N, C-alpha and C. Protein backbone atom coordinates (compact mmCIF):
# COMPACT_ATOMS: atom_id res chain seq x y z
N MET A 1 0.85 -1.20 0.00
CA MET A 1 0.00 0.00 0.00
C MET A 1 0.89 1.25 0.00
N SER A 2 0.64 2.15 -0.97
CA SER A 2 1.43 3.38 -1.04
C SER A 2 1.00 4.33 0.07
N VAL A 3 1.80 5.38 0.25
CA VAL A 3 1.49 6.36 1.29
C VAL A 3 0.15 7.03 1.01
N ILE A 4 -0.09 7.38 -0.28
CA ILE A 4 -1.35 8.03 -0.64
C ILE A 4 -2.52 7.10 -0.38
N GLU A 5 -2.40 5.84 -0.76
CA GLU A 5 -3.47 4.86 -0.53
C GLU A 5 -3.73 4.68 0.96
N PHE A 6 -2.65 4.68 1.74
CA PHE A 6 -2.80 4.54 3.19
C PHE A 6 -3.64 5.67 3.77
N PHE A 7 -3.33 6.90 3.39
CA PHE A 7 -4.06 8.03 3.95
C PHE A 7 -5.48 8.13 3.41
N LEU A 8 -5.70 7.70 2.17
CA LEU A 8 -7.07 7.67 1.65
C LEU A 8 -7.91 6.65 2.41
N GLU A 9 -7.34 5.49 2.69
CA GLU A 9 -8.05 4.48 3.47
C GLU A 9 -8.26 4.95 4.90
N LEU A 10 -7.27 5.62 5.45
CA LEU A 10 -7.40 6.16 6.81
C LEU A 10 -8.51 7.19 6.86
N LEU A 11 -8.62 8.01 5.82
CA LEU A 11 -9.67 9.01 5.75
C LEU A 11 -11.04 8.36 5.63
N ARG A 12 -11.13 7.29 4.86
CA ARG A 12 -12.42 6.63 4.62
C ARG A 12 -12.90 5.84 5.83
N ASP A 13 -11.97 5.14 6.49
CA ASP A 13 -12.39 4.25 7.57
C ASP A 13 -11.34 4.23 8.69
N PRO A 14 -11.23 5.31 9.46
CA PRO A 14 -10.22 5.35 10.53
C PRO A 14 -10.48 4.31 11.62
N ARG A 15 -11.75 3.89 11.77
CA ARG A 15 -12.07 2.89 12.80
C ARG A 15 -11.28 1.61 12.63
N SER A 16 -11.20 1.13 11.39
CA SER A 16 -10.50 -0.13 11.13
C SER A 16 -9.02 -0.03 11.49
N PHE A 17 -8.42 1.10 11.19
CA PHE A 17 -7.00 1.29 11.51
C PHE A 17 -6.79 1.32 13.02
N ILE A 18 -7.66 2.02 13.73
CA ILE A 18 -7.51 2.11 15.18
C ILE A 18 -7.71 0.74 15.82
N ILE A 19 -8.68 -0.03 15.33
CA ILE A 19 -8.88 -1.40 15.84
C ILE A 19 -7.62 -2.23 15.62
N SER A 20 -7.03 -2.13 14.42
CA SER A 20 -5.82 -2.91 14.14
C SER A 20 -4.66 -2.48 15.01
N TRP A 21 -4.55 -1.18 15.30
CA TRP A 21 -3.47 -0.70 16.17
C TRP A 21 -3.66 -1.21 17.59
N ILE A 22 -4.89 -1.21 18.07
CA ILE A 22 -5.16 -1.71 19.43
C ILE A 22 -4.84 -3.20 19.51
N ASN A 23 -5.25 -3.96 18.48
CA ASN A 23 -5.05 -5.41 18.48
C ASN A 23 -3.58 -5.79 18.30
N GLN A 24 -2.88 -5.07 17.43
CA GLN A 24 -1.50 -5.43 17.11
C GLN A 24 -0.48 -4.83 18.07
N LEU A 25 -0.73 -3.61 18.53
CA LEU A 25 0.23 -2.92 19.38
C LEU A 25 -0.13 -2.98 20.86
N GLY A 26 -1.40 -3.27 21.14
CA GLY A 26 -1.86 -3.24 22.52
C GLY A 26 -2.40 -1.88 22.86
N PRO A 27 -3.22 -1.78 23.91
CA PRO A 27 -3.87 -0.52 24.24
C PRO A 27 -2.91 0.60 24.64
N ILE A 28 -1.69 0.26 25.08
CA ILE A 28 -0.74 1.31 25.47
C ILE A 28 -0.07 1.92 24.24
N TRP A 29 0.47 1.07 23.37
CA TRP A 29 1.20 1.57 22.21
C TRP A 29 0.30 2.00 21.07
N ALA A 30 -1.01 1.74 21.17
CA ALA A 30 -1.94 2.17 20.11
C ALA A 30 -2.00 3.68 19.99
N TYR A 31 -1.61 4.39 21.05
CA TYR A 31 -1.59 5.86 20.98
C TYR A 31 -0.48 6.38 20.07
N ALA A 32 0.56 5.56 19.86
CA ALA A 32 1.74 6.02 19.12
C ALA A 32 1.42 6.41 17.67
N PRO A 33 0.76 5.54 16.87
CA PRO A 33 0.46 5.96 15.49
C PRO A 33 -0.49 7.15 15.42
N LEU A 34 -1.42 7.24 16.38
CA LEU A 34 -2.31 8.40 16.42
C LEU A 34 -1.50 9.68 16.62
N ALA A 35 -0.60 9.64 17.59
CA ALA A 35 0.22 10.82 17.88
C ALA A 35 1.13 11.16 16.71
N LEU A 36 1.68 10.14 16.06
CA LEU A 36 2.59 10.37 14.94
C LEU A 36 1.88 11.06 13.78
N ILE A 37 0.68 10.60 13.46
CA ILE A 37 -0.08 11.20 12.35
C ILE A 37 -0.42 12.65 12.66
N LEU A 38 -0.84 12.93 13.89
CA LEU A 38 -1.16 14.31 14.27
C LEU A 38 0.08 15.19 14.23
N PHE A 39 1.21 14.64 14.68
CA PHE A 39 2.46 15.41 14.64
C PHE A 39 2.83 15.76 13.20
N ILE A 40 2.70 14.79 12.29
CA ILE A 40 3.06 15.02 10.89
C ILE A 40 2.13 16.05 10.26
N GLU A 41 0.82 15.92 10.53
CA GLU A 41 -0.13 16.87 9.94
C GLU A 41 0.17 18.31 10.35
N THR A 42 0.47 18.50 11.63
CA THR A 42 0.68 19.86 12.12
C THR A 42 2.14 20.29 12.05
N GLY A 43 3.05 19.34 11.91
CA GLY A 43 4.47 19.66 12.01
C GLY A 43 5.25 19.67 10.72
N VAL A 44 4.65 19.20 9.63
CA VAL A 44 5.36 19.13 8.35
C VAL A 44 4.55 19.92 7.33
N VAL A 45 5.12 20.99 6.83
CA VAL A 45 4.34 21.96 6.04
C VAL A 45 3.79 21.37 4.75
N PHE A 46 4.41 20.31 4.22
CA PHE A 46 3.89 19.74 2.96
C PHE A 46 2.95 18.55 3.19
N MET A 47 2.47 18.37 4.43
CA MET A 47 1.52 17.29 4.72
C MET A 47 0.24 17.82 5.37
N PRO A 48 -0.41 18.83 4.76
CA PRO A 48 -1.56 19.44 5.43
C PRO A 48 -2.88 18.70 5.21
N PHE A 49 -2.82 17.62 4.40
CA PHE A 49 -4.07 16.98 3.99
C PHE A 49 -4.44 15.78 4.87
N LEU A 50 -3.70 15.55 5.94
CA LEU A 50 -3.99 14.39 6.78
C LEU A 50 -5.27 14.62 7.58
N PRO A 51 -6.01 13.53 7.87
CA PRO A 51 -7.37 13.66 8.44
C PRO A 51 -7.38 13.78 9.96
N GLY A 52 -6.83 14.87 10.50
CA GLY A 52 -6.74 15.01 11.95
C GLY A 52 -8.08 15.04 12.65
N ASP A 53 -9.04 15.82 12.13
CA ASP A 53 -10.35 15.95 12.78
C ASP A 53 -11.05 14.60 12.89
N SER A 54 -11.16 13.91 11.76
CA SER A 54 -11.89 12.64 11.74
C SER A 54 -11.16 11.56 12.52
N LEU A 55 -9.83 11.60 12.51
CA LEU A 55 -9.06 10.61 13.27
C LEU A 55 -9.28 10.78 14.78
N LEU A 56 -9.30 12.02 15.23
CA LEU A 56 -9.55 12.29 16.65
C LEU A 56 -10.96 11.85 17.05
N PHE A 57 -11.93 12.15 16.20
CA PHE A 57 -13.31 11.73 16.47
C PHE A 57 -13.39 10.21 16.59
N ALA A 58 -12.80 9.51 15.64
CA ALA A 58 -12.84 8.05 15.65
C ALA A 58 -12.12 7.49 16.88
N ALA A 59 -11.00 8.09 17.24
CA ALA A 59 -10.26 7.61 18.42
C ALA A 59 -11.08 7.81 19.68
N GLY A 60 -11.83 8.92 19.75
CA GLY A 60 -12.68 9.16 20.91
C GLY A 60 -13.73 8.08 21.11
N VAL A 61 -14.19 7.48 20.01
CA VAL A 61 -15.19 6.40 20.09
C VAL A 61 -14.64 5.22 20.88
N PHE A 62 -13.34 4.99 20.78
CA PHE A 62 -12.72 3.82 21.43
C PHE A 62 -12.35 4.09 22.89
N CYS A 63 -12.77 5.23 23.40
CA CYS A 63 -12.50 5.54 24.80
C CYS A 63 -13.66 5.19 25.72
N VAL A 64 -14.76 4.70 25.14
CA VAL A 64 -15.87 4.23 25.98
C VAL A 64 -15.41 2.95 26.68
N PRO A 65 -16.01 2.59 27.81
CA PRO A 65 -15.58 1.37 28.52
C PRO A 65 -15.55 0.16 27.60
N GLY A 66 -14.42 -0.55 27.59
CA GLY A 66 -14.25 -1.72 26.76
C GLY A 66 -13.72 -1.41 25.37
N GLY A 67 -13.54 -0.12 25.06
CA GLY A 67 -13.09 0.25 23.73
C GLY A 67 -11.60 0.10 23.51
N GLY A 68 -10.83 0.05 24.60
CA GLY A 68 -9.39 -0.17 24.48
C GLY A 68 -8.54 1.05 24.75
N LEU A 69 -9.13 2.26 24.66
CA LEU A 69 -8.36 3.48 24.91
C LEU A 69 -8.94 4.23 26.11
N ASN A 70 -8.13 5.11 26.66
CA ASN A 70 -8.55 5.92 27.80
C ASN A 70 -8.64 7.38 27.36
N ILE A 71 -9.76 8.05 27.65
CA ILE A 71 -10.00 9.39 27.13
C ILE A 71 -8.97 10.40 27.66
N VAL A 72 -8.58 10.29 28.93
CA VAL A 72 -7.60 11.23 29.49
C VAL A 72 -6.23 11.03 28.83
N ALA A 73 -5.83 9.76 28.70
CA ALA A 73 -4.54 9.47 28.05
C ALA A 73 -4.56 9.90 26.59
N LEU A 74 -5.68 9.66 25.91
CA LEU A 74 -5.78 10.03 24.50
C LEU A 74 -5.63 11.53 24.31
N ILE A 75 -6.36 12.31 25.10
CA ILE A 75 -6.27 13.76 24.99
C ILE A 75 -4.86 14.25 25.31
N ALA A 76 -4.26 13.70 26.36
CA ALA A 76 -2.92 14.13 26.76
C ALA A 76 -1.89 13.83 25.68
N VAL A 77 -1.88 12.58 25.18
CA VAL A 77 -0.88 12.17 24.18
C VAL A 77 -1.06 12.94 22.88
N CYS A 78 -2.32 13.05 22.42
CA CYS A 78 -2.57 13.72 21.13
C CYS A 78 -2.35 15.22 21.23
N ALA A 79 -2.68 15.82 22.37
CA ALA A 79 -2.44 17.26 22.54
C ALA A 79 -0.94 17.55 22.51
N ILE A 80 -0.16 16.72 23.19
CA ILE A 80 1.30 16.91 23.19
C ILE A 80 1.85 16.77 21.76
N ALA A 81 1.34 15.77 21.02
CA ALA A 81 1.80 15.58 19.63
C ALA A 81 1.45 16.78 18.77
N ALA A 82 0.23 17.31 18.94
CA ALA A 82 -0.20 18.47 18.15
C ALA A 82 0.61 19.71 18.50
N ILE A 83 0.87 19.90 19.77
CA ILE A 83 1.65 21.07 20.23
C ILE A 83 3.09 20.98 19.72
N LEU A 84 3.69 19.80 19.83
CA LEU A 84 5.06 19.63 19.34
C LEU A 84 5.11 19.77 17.82
N GLY A 85 4.05 19.32 17.13
CA GLY A 85 3.99 19.47 15.69
C GLY A 85 4.02 20.92 15.27
N ASP A 86 3.17 21.73 15.90
CA ASP A 86 3.17 23.17 15.58
C ASP A 86 4.50 23.82 15.91
N MET A 87 5.11 23.39 17.00
CA MET A 87 6.40 23.95 17.39
C MET A 87 7.46 23.63 16.34
N SER A 88 7.43 22.40 15.84
CA SER A 88 8.36 22.00 14.78
C SER A 88 8.14 22.84 13.53
N ASN A 89 6.87 23.01 13.17
CA ASN A 89 6.53 23.77 11.97
C ASN A 89 6.92 25.24 12.11
N TYR A 90 6.79 25.78 13.31
CA TYR A 90 7.20 27.16 13.59
C TYR A 90 8.69 27.33 13.26
N TRP A 91 9.51 26.41 13.74
CA TRP A 91 10.96 26.55 13.52
C TRP A 91 11.34 26.26 12.07
N ILE A 92 10.59 25.39 11.40
CA ILE A 92 10.82 25.19 9.96
C ILE A 92 10.59 26.50 9.23
N GLY A 93 9.46 27.16 9.57
CA GLY A 93 9.16 28.45 8.93
C GLY A 93 10.19 29.51 9.27
N ARG A 94 10.64 29.53 10.51
CA ARG A 94 11.57 30.57 10.96
C ARG A 94 12.95 30.41 10.32
N LYS A 95 13.41 29.16 10.22
CA LYS A 95 14.77 28.93 9.72
C LYS A 95 14.82 28.68 8.21
N LEU A 96 13.77 28.05 7.66
CA LEU A 96 13.82 27.63 6.26
C LEU A 96 12.69 28.20 5.41
N GLY A 97 11.80 29.00 6.03
CA GLY A 97 10.59 29.45 5.35
C GLY A 97 10.84 30.18 4.05
N GLU A 98 11.78 31.09 4.04
CA GLU A 98 12.03 31.89 2.84
C GLU A 98 12.42 31.00 1.67
N GLY A 99 13.31 30.05 1.92
CA GLY A 99 13.75 29.15 0.85
C GLY A 99 12.64 28.23 0.38
N ILE A 100 11.82 27.73 1.31
CA ILE A 100 10.73 26.82 0.95
C ILE A 100 9.70 27.53 0.09
N ILE A 101 9.31 28.73 0.48
CA ILE A 101 8.31 29.49 -0.29
C ILE A 101 8.87 29.86 -1.67
N ALA A 102 10.11 30.31 -1.70
CA ALA A 102 10.73 30.73 -2.97
C ALA A 102 10.89 29.56 -3.94
N SER A 103 11.11 28.36 -3.40
CA SER A 103 11.34 27.20 -4.27
C SER A 103 10.08 26.78 -5.02
N GLY A 104 8.92 27.01 -4.42
CA GLY A 104 7.66 26.60 -5.04
C GLY A 104 7.46 25.10 -5.08
N LYS A 105 8.29 24.36 -4.36
CA LYS A 105 8.21 22.90 -4.39
C LYS A 105 7.09 22.34 -3.52
N VAL A 106 6.64 23.11 -2.54
CA VAL A 106 5.53 22.66 -1.69
C VAL A 106 4.23 23.09 -2.38
N LYS A 107 3.67 22.18 -3.18
CA LYS A 107 2.52 22.53 -4.01
C LYS A 107 1.31 22.95 -3.19
N ALA A 108 1.17 22.39 -1.98
CA ALA A 108 0.02 22.74 -1.15
C ALA A 108 0.12 24.17 -0.64
N LEU A 109 1.32 24.72 -0.66
CA LEU A 109 1.54 26.08 -0.15
C LEU A 109 1.30 27.07 -1.28
N THR A 110 0.03 27.17 -1.71
CA THR A 110 -0.33 28.04 -2.82
C THR A 110 -0.39 29.49 -2.34
N PRO A 111 -0.28 30.46 -3.27
CA PRO A 111 -0.39 31.87 -2.87
C PRO A 111 -1.71 32.17 -2.16
N GLU A 112 -2.80 31.55 -2.62
CA GLU A 112 -4.11 31.80 -1.99
C GLU A 112 -4.11 31.32 -0.55
N ARG A 113 -3.55 30.15 -0.30
CA ARG A 113 -3.54 29.62 1.07
C ARG A 113 -2.59 30.43 1.95
N ILE A 114 -1.48 30.86 1.40
CA ILE A 114 -0.58 31.71 2.17
C ILE A 114 -1.28 33.02 2.53
N ASP A 115 -1.96 33.61 1.54
CA ASP A 115 -2.66 34.88 1.78
C ASP A 115 -3.75 34.71 2.83
N LYS A 116 -4.54 33.64 2.71
CA LYS A 116 -5.63 33.41 3.66
C LYS A 116 -5.10 33.25 5.08
N THR A 117 -4.05 32.45 5.22
CA THR A 117 -3.46 32.23 6.54
C THR A 117 -2.84 33.51 7.08
N GLN A 118 -2.15 34.25 6.21
CA GLN A 118 -1.51 35.49 6.64
C GLN A 118 -2.55 36.53 7.05
N GLN A 119 -3.69 36.57 6.34
CA GLN A 119 -4.77 37.48 6.71
C GLN A 119 -5.29 37.18 8.11
N MET A 120 -5.41 35.87 8.41
CA MET A 120 -5.88 35.48 9.74
C MET A 120 -4.88 35.90 10.81
N LEU A 121 -3.60 35.69 10.54
CA LEU A 121 -2.57 36.08 11.51
C LEU A 121 -2.53 37.60 11.69
N ASP A 122 -2.69 38.33 10.58
CA ASP A 122 -2.67 39.79 10.66
C ASP A 122 -3.88 40.32 11.41
N LYS A 123 -5.03 39.70 11.18
CA LYS A 123 -6.27 40.20 11.77
C LYS A 123 -6.37 39.89 13.26
N TYR A 124 -6.00 38.66 13.64
CA TYR A 124 -6.22 38.23 15.02
C TYR A 124 -4.94 38.16 15.85
N GLY A 125 -3.79 38.29 15.21
CA GLY A 125 -2.54 38.23 15.95
C GLY A 125 -2.29 36.85 16.51
N SER A 126 -1.71 36.76 17.68
CA SER A 126 -1.36 35.47 18.29
C SER A 126 -2.57 34.54 18.47
N PRO A 127 -3.77 35.04 18.85
CA PRO A 127 -4.92 34.14 18.98
C PRO A 127 -5.26 33.40 17.68
N ALA A 128 -4.76 33.88 16.53
CA ALA A 128 -5.00 33.18 15.27
C ALA A 128 -4.38 31.79 15.29
N VAL A 129 -3.33 31.61 16.10
CA VAL A 129 -2.70 30.29 16.23
C VAL A 129 -3.70 29.30 16.82
N VAL A 130 -4.55 29.78 17.73
CA VAL A 130 -5.62 28.94 18.30
C VAL A 130 -6.70 28.72 17.26
N LEU A 131 -7.17 29.78 16.65
CA LEU A 131 -8.26 29.70 15.67
C LEU A 131 -7.90 28.81 14.50
N ALA A 132 -6.66 28.87 14.04
CA ALA A 132 -6.23 28.11 12.87
C ALA A 132 -6.33 26.61 13.08
N ARG A 133 -6.27 26.16 14.32
CA ARG A 133 -6.35 24.73 14.61
C ARG A 133 -7.62 24.09 14.03
N PHE A 134 -8.66 24.86 13.89
CA PHE A 134 -9.96 24.30 13.50
C PHE A 134 -10.22 24.43 12.00
N PHE A 135 -9.17 24.79 11.23
CA PHE A 135 -9.29 24.92 9.78
C PHE A 135 -8.25 24.02 9.11
N PRO A 136 -8.68 22.96 8.41
CA PRO A 136 -7.71 22.12 7.71
C PRO A 136 -6.85 22.95 6.76
N PHE A 137 -5.65 22.50 6.50
CA PHE A 137 -4.64 23.20 5.71
C PHE A 137 -4.12 24.43 6.46
N ILE A 138 -5.01 25.32 6.87
CA ILE A 138 -4.57 26.53 7.56
C ILE A 138 -3.87 26.18 8.85
N ARG A 139 -4.32 25.11 9.55
CA ARG A 139 -3.67 24.76 10.81
C ARG A 139 -2.23 24.29 10.59
N THR A 140 -1.93 23.82 9.37
CA THR A 140 -0.56 23.42 9.06
C THR A 140 0.28 24.63 8.65
N PHE A 141 -0.34 25.57 7.93
CA PHE A 141 0.41 26.72 7.44
C PHE A 141 0.61 27.80 8.50
N ALA A 142 -0.33 27.91 9.46
CA ALA A 142 -0.27 29.00 10.45
C ALA A 142 1.02 28.99 11.26
N PRO A 143 1.43 27.86 11.85
CA PRO A 143 2.69 27.89 12.61
C PRO A 143 3.91 28.15 11.72
N PHE A 144 3.85 27.62 10.50
CA PHE A 144 4.94 27.85 9.54
C PHE A 144 5.09 29.35 9.26
N LEU A 145 3.96 30.03 8.98
CA LEU A 145 4.00 31.46 8.68
C LEU A 145 4.26 32.30 9.94
N ALA A 146 3.83 31.79 11.10
CA ALA A 146 4.16 32.48 12.35
C ALA A 146 5.67 32.49 12.57
N GLY A 147 6.30 31.37 12.28
CA GLY A 147 7.76 31.31 12.38
C GLY A 147 8.43 32.15 11.31
N PHE A 148 7.90 32.08 10.09
CA PHE A 148 8.44 32.86 8.98
C PHE A 148 8.36 34.36 9.27
N GLY A 149 7.27 34.77 9.93
CA GLY A 149 7.08 36.18 10.29
C GLY A 149 7.73 36.57 11.59
N HIS A 150 8.46 35.63 12.22
CA HIS A 150 9.20 35.88 13.47
C HIS A 150 8.27 36.33 14.60
N MET A 151 7.10 35.70 14.71
CA MET A 151 6.29 35.90 15.91
C MET A 151 7.11 35.44 17.11
N ARG A 152 7.03 36.17 18.21
CA ARG A 152 7.82 35.82 19.39
C ARG A 152 7.51 34.39 19.82
N PHE A 153 8.57 33.60 20.06
CA PHE A 153 8.39 32.18 20.32
C PHE A 153 7.60 31.93 21.61
N GLY A 154 7.87 32.71 22.66
CA GLY A 154 7.13 32.53 23.91
C GLY A 154 5.65 32.79 23.73
N GLN A 155 5.33 33.83 22.98
CA GLN A 155 3.94 34.18 22.69
C GLN A 155 3.29 33.07 21.87
N PHE A 156 4.01 32.61 20.84
CA PHE A 156 3.49 31.53 20.01
C PHE A 156 3.25 30.27 20.83
N THR A 157 4.16 29.94 21.73
CA THR A 157 4.06 28.72 22.52
C THR A 157 2.80 28.68 23.39
N VAL A 158 2.47 29.82 24.00
CA VAL A 158 1.26 29.88 24.84
C VAL A 158 0.02 29.57 24.03
N PHE A 159 -0.14 30.25 22.89
CA PHE A 159 -1.34 30.05 22.08
C PHE A 159 -1.33 28.71 21.36
N ASN A 160 -0.15 28.22 21.05
CA ASN A 160 -0.03 26.88 20.48
C ASN A 160 -0.55 25.83 21.46
N ALA A 161 -0.16 25.94 22.72
CA ALA A 161 -0.60 24.98 23.74
C ALA A 161 -2.12 25.05 23.94
N ILE A 162 -2.66 26.26 23.97
CA ILE A 162 -4.10 26.42 24.13
C ILE A 162 -4.84 25.83 22.94
N GLY A 163 -4.40 26.18 21.73
CA GLY A 163 -5.07 25.70 20.52
C GLY A 163 -5.00 24.19 20.36
N GLY A 164 -3.81 23.62 20.59
CA GLY A 164 -3.66 22.17 20.45
C GLY A 164 -4.53 21.40 21.43
N THR A 165 -4.59 21.88 22.67
CA THR A 165 -5.39 21.21 23.69
C THR A 165 -6.88 21.33 23.38
N LEU A 166 -7.34 22.51 22.97
CA LEU A 166 -8.76 22.70 22.64
C LEU A 166 -9.17 21.85 21.44
N TRP A 167 -8.36 21.85 20.40
CA TRP A 167 -8.68 21.10 19.18
C TRP A 167 -8.79 19.60 19.46
N VAL A 168 -7.79 19.07 20.11
CA VAL A 168 -7.80 17.64 20.42
C VAL A 168 -8.96 17.29 21.35
N SER A 169 -9.17 18.09 22.37
CA SER A 169 -10.24 17.82 23.33
C SER A 169 -11.61 17.83 22.66
N LEU A 170 -11.85 18.82 21.81
CA LEU A 170 -13.16 18.94 21.16
C LEU A 170 -13.51 17.70 20.36
N PHE A 171 -12.62 17.29 19.47
CA PHE A 171 -12.96 16.20 18.56
C PHE A 171 -12.93 14.83 19.24
N THR A 172 -12.04 14.63 20.19
CA THR A 172 -12.06 13.35 20.90
C THR A 172 -13.29 13.23 21.78
N LEU A 173 -13.69 14.31 22.43
CA LEU A 173 -14.89 14.27 23.29
C LEU A 173 -16.17 14.12 22.47
N LEU A 174 -16.19 14.69 21.26
CA LEU A 174 -17.33 14.47 20.38
C LEU A 174 -17.47 12.98 20.05
N GLY A 175 -16.34 12.35 19.74
CA GLY A 175 -16.38 10.91 19.47
C GLY A 175 -16.75 10.11 20.69
N TYR A 176 -16.23 10.52 21.84
CA TYR A 176 -16.48 9.81 23.10
C TYR A 176 -17.96 9.85 23.48
N TYR A 177 -18.59 11.00 23.34
CA TYR A 177 -19.97 11.16 23.79
C TYR A 177 -21.01 10.78 22.74
N PHE A 178 -20.65 10.91 21.46
CA PHE A 178 -21.65 10.68 20.42
C PHE A 178 -21.36 9.47 19.54
N GLY A 179 -20.11 8.96 19.61
CA GLY A 179 -19.73 7.86 18.73
C GLY A 179 -20.46 6.56 19.01
N GLY A 180 -20.97 6.39 20.24
CA GLY A 180 -21.65 5.15 20.58
C GLY A 180 -23.13 5.13 20.23
N ILE A 181 -23.67 6.24 19.76
CA ILE A 181 -25.08 6.29 19.37
C ILE A 181 -25.30 5.36 18.18
N PRO A 182 -26.34 4.51 18.23
CA PRO A 182 -26.56 3.54 17.15
C PRO A 182 -26.57 4.14 15.75
N PHE A 183 -27.19 5.30 15.59
CA PHE A 183 -27.22 5.95 14.27
C PHE A 183 -25.81 6.27 13.79
N VAL A 184 -24.98 6.77 14.71
CA VAL A 184 -23.60 7.10 14.35
C VAL A 184 -22.83 5.84 13.99
N GLN A 185 -23.01 4.78 14.76
CA GLN A 185 -22.34 3.52 14.48
C GLN A 185 -22.75 2.96 13.12
N ASP A 186 -24.03 3.06 12.79
CA ASP A 186 -24.54 2.49 11.53
C ASP A 186 -24.12 3.29 10.31
N HIS A 187 -23.83 4.58 10.50
CA HIS A 187 -23.47 5.44 9.37
C HIS A 187 -22.10 6.09 9.61
N PHE A 188 -21.20 5.34 10.21
CA PHE A 188 -19.93 5.91 10.66
C PHE A 188 -19.11 6.50 9.52
N GLU A 189 -18.99 5.76 8.42
CA GLU A 189 -18.16 6.24 7.31
C GLU A 189 -18.73 7.53 6.73
N VAL A 190 -20.06 7.60 6.62
CA VAL A 190 -20.69 8.81 6.10
C VAL A 190 -20.43 9.99 7.03
N ILE A 191 -20.53 9.76 8.33
CA ILE A 191 -20.31 10.82 9.31
C ILE A 191 -18.86 11.29 9.29
N ILE A 192 -17.93 10.37 9.13
CA ILE A 192 -16.51 10.73 9.04
C ILE A 192 -16.27 11.64 7.83
N ILE A 193 -16.84 11.27 6.69
CA ILE A 193 -16.70 12.10 5.49
C ILE A 193 -17.36 13.45 5.72
N ALA A 194 -18.51 13.46 6.40
CA ALA A 194 -19.21 14.72 6.68
C ALA A 194 -18.36 15.63 7.55
N ILE A 195 -17.66 15.06 8.53
CA ILE A 195 -16.77 15.86 9.39
C ILE A 195 -15.68 16.51 8.56
N VAL A 196 -15.11 15.74 7.63
CA VAL A 196 -14.06 16.27 6.77
C VAL A 196 -14.59 17.41 5.90
N VAL A 197 -15.75 17.16 5.27
CA VAL A 197 -16.34 18.15 4.37
C VAL A 197 -16.69 19.44 5.12
N ILE A 198 -17.37 19.28 6.27
CA ILE A 198 -17.79 20.46 7.05
C ILE A 198 -16.58 21.25 7.53
N SER A 199 -15.53 20.54 7.96
CA SER A 199 -14.35 21.25 8.46
C SER A 199 -13.63 21.99 7.35
N PHE A 200 -13.79 21.53 6.09
CA PHE A 200 -13.13 22.19 4.97
C PHE A 200 -13.90 23.40 4.45
N ILE A 201 -15.20 23.50 4.76
CA ILE A 201 -16.02 24.57 4.18
C ILE A 201 -15.49 25.96 4.51
N PRO A 202 -15.19 26.29 5.80
CA PRO A 202 -14.67 27.64 6.09
C PRO A 202 -13.37 27.94 5.36
N THR A 203 -12.49 26.94 5.27
CA THR A 203 -11.23 27.14 4.55
C THR A 203 -11.48 27.40 3.08
N LEU A 204 -12.38 26.63 2.47
CA LEU A 204 -12.69 26.79 1.06
C LEU A 204 -13.30 28.16 0.79
N VAL A 205 -14.24 28.57 1.64
CA VAL A 205 -14.86 29.89 1.49
C VAL A 205 -13.82 30.99 1.58
N GLY A 206 -12.91 30.86 2.54
CA GLY A 206 -11.86 31.86 2.69
C GLY A 206 -10.95 31.94 1.47
N LEU A 207 -10.61 30.78 0.91
CA LEU A 207 -9.75 30.76 -0.27
C LEU A 207 -10.45 31.39 -1.47
N ILE A 208 -11.75 31.15 -1.61
CA ILE A 208 -12.52 31.75 -2.70
C ILE A 208 -12.55 33.27 -2.54
N ARG A 209 -12.74 33.73 -1.31
CA ARG A 209 -12.76 35.18 -1.06
C ARG A 209 -11.42 35.82 -1.42
N VAL A 210 -10.34 35.13 -1.03
CA VAL A 210 -9.00 35.65 -1.35
C VAL A 210 -8.82 35.75 -2.86
N ARG A 211 -9.25 34.74 -3.59
CA ARG A 211 -9.08 34.73 -5.04
C ARG A 211 -9.90 35.84 -5.70
N PHE A 212 -11.16 36.00 -5.25
CA PHE A 212 -11.99 37.06 -5.82
C PHE A 212 -11.46 38.45 -5.45
N SER A 213 -10.91 38.56 -4.25
CA SER A 213 -10.33 39.83 -3.82
C SER A 213 -9.16 40.21 -4.71
N LYS A 214 -8.32 39.21 -5.06
CA LYS A 214 -7.19 39.48 -5.93
C LYS A 214 -7.66 39.85 -7.34
N ALA A 215 -8.73 39.17 -7.79
CA ALA A 215 -9.23 39.42 -9.15
C ALA A 215 -9.81 40.82 -9.28
N SER A 216 -10.36 41.35 -8.17
CA SER A 216 -11.00 42.66 -8.21
C SER A 216 -10.01 43.82 -8.06
N ASP A 217 -8.77 43.50 -7.62
CA ASP A 217 -7.78 44.57 -7.43
C ASP A 217 -7.22 45.06 -8.77
């Protein structure tokens, strides 16, 4: 299975992957692949398409009694991974950002996405680091551009910790409290896709606005 096929399957049916991790790695080490995927999504600027929201929701489902995971441990491990990911991305942007943007090799880092993320950072300042967590793609670019723009590291760290903890807590608790409902269980794949689509809508709208704004100038 190629990397692209792996992530497409993970996006379509994260439950099966989490079950296999629990069965093969045990309930303690099953947190490791979850944390790694979240770290890569938030910490590597050219991997913004990973399914963090849906993966957290699905993982929360397995925190009900007998599910194999513990909700407190899940939130703690995944929040730390998300926070460290943003921190890594911040320093990539700070030390290598100019060269990466100039090279044009990171295809996901389009001018529209850079503009949209930069507008958010300019408008909201440091709290944008928290807000960006809830927008796919933008949550990967925000720490990179914060580092590129030399936002103070201490200031960034505070809002990074708040944003990472809130993001992880929200989606895991949604899965924990609602994932066991029979309707959700019966239509799990559809709901996972719906989470992805809904989470992308604000980002898509913002990108369209940026493009139309440029066209009107």
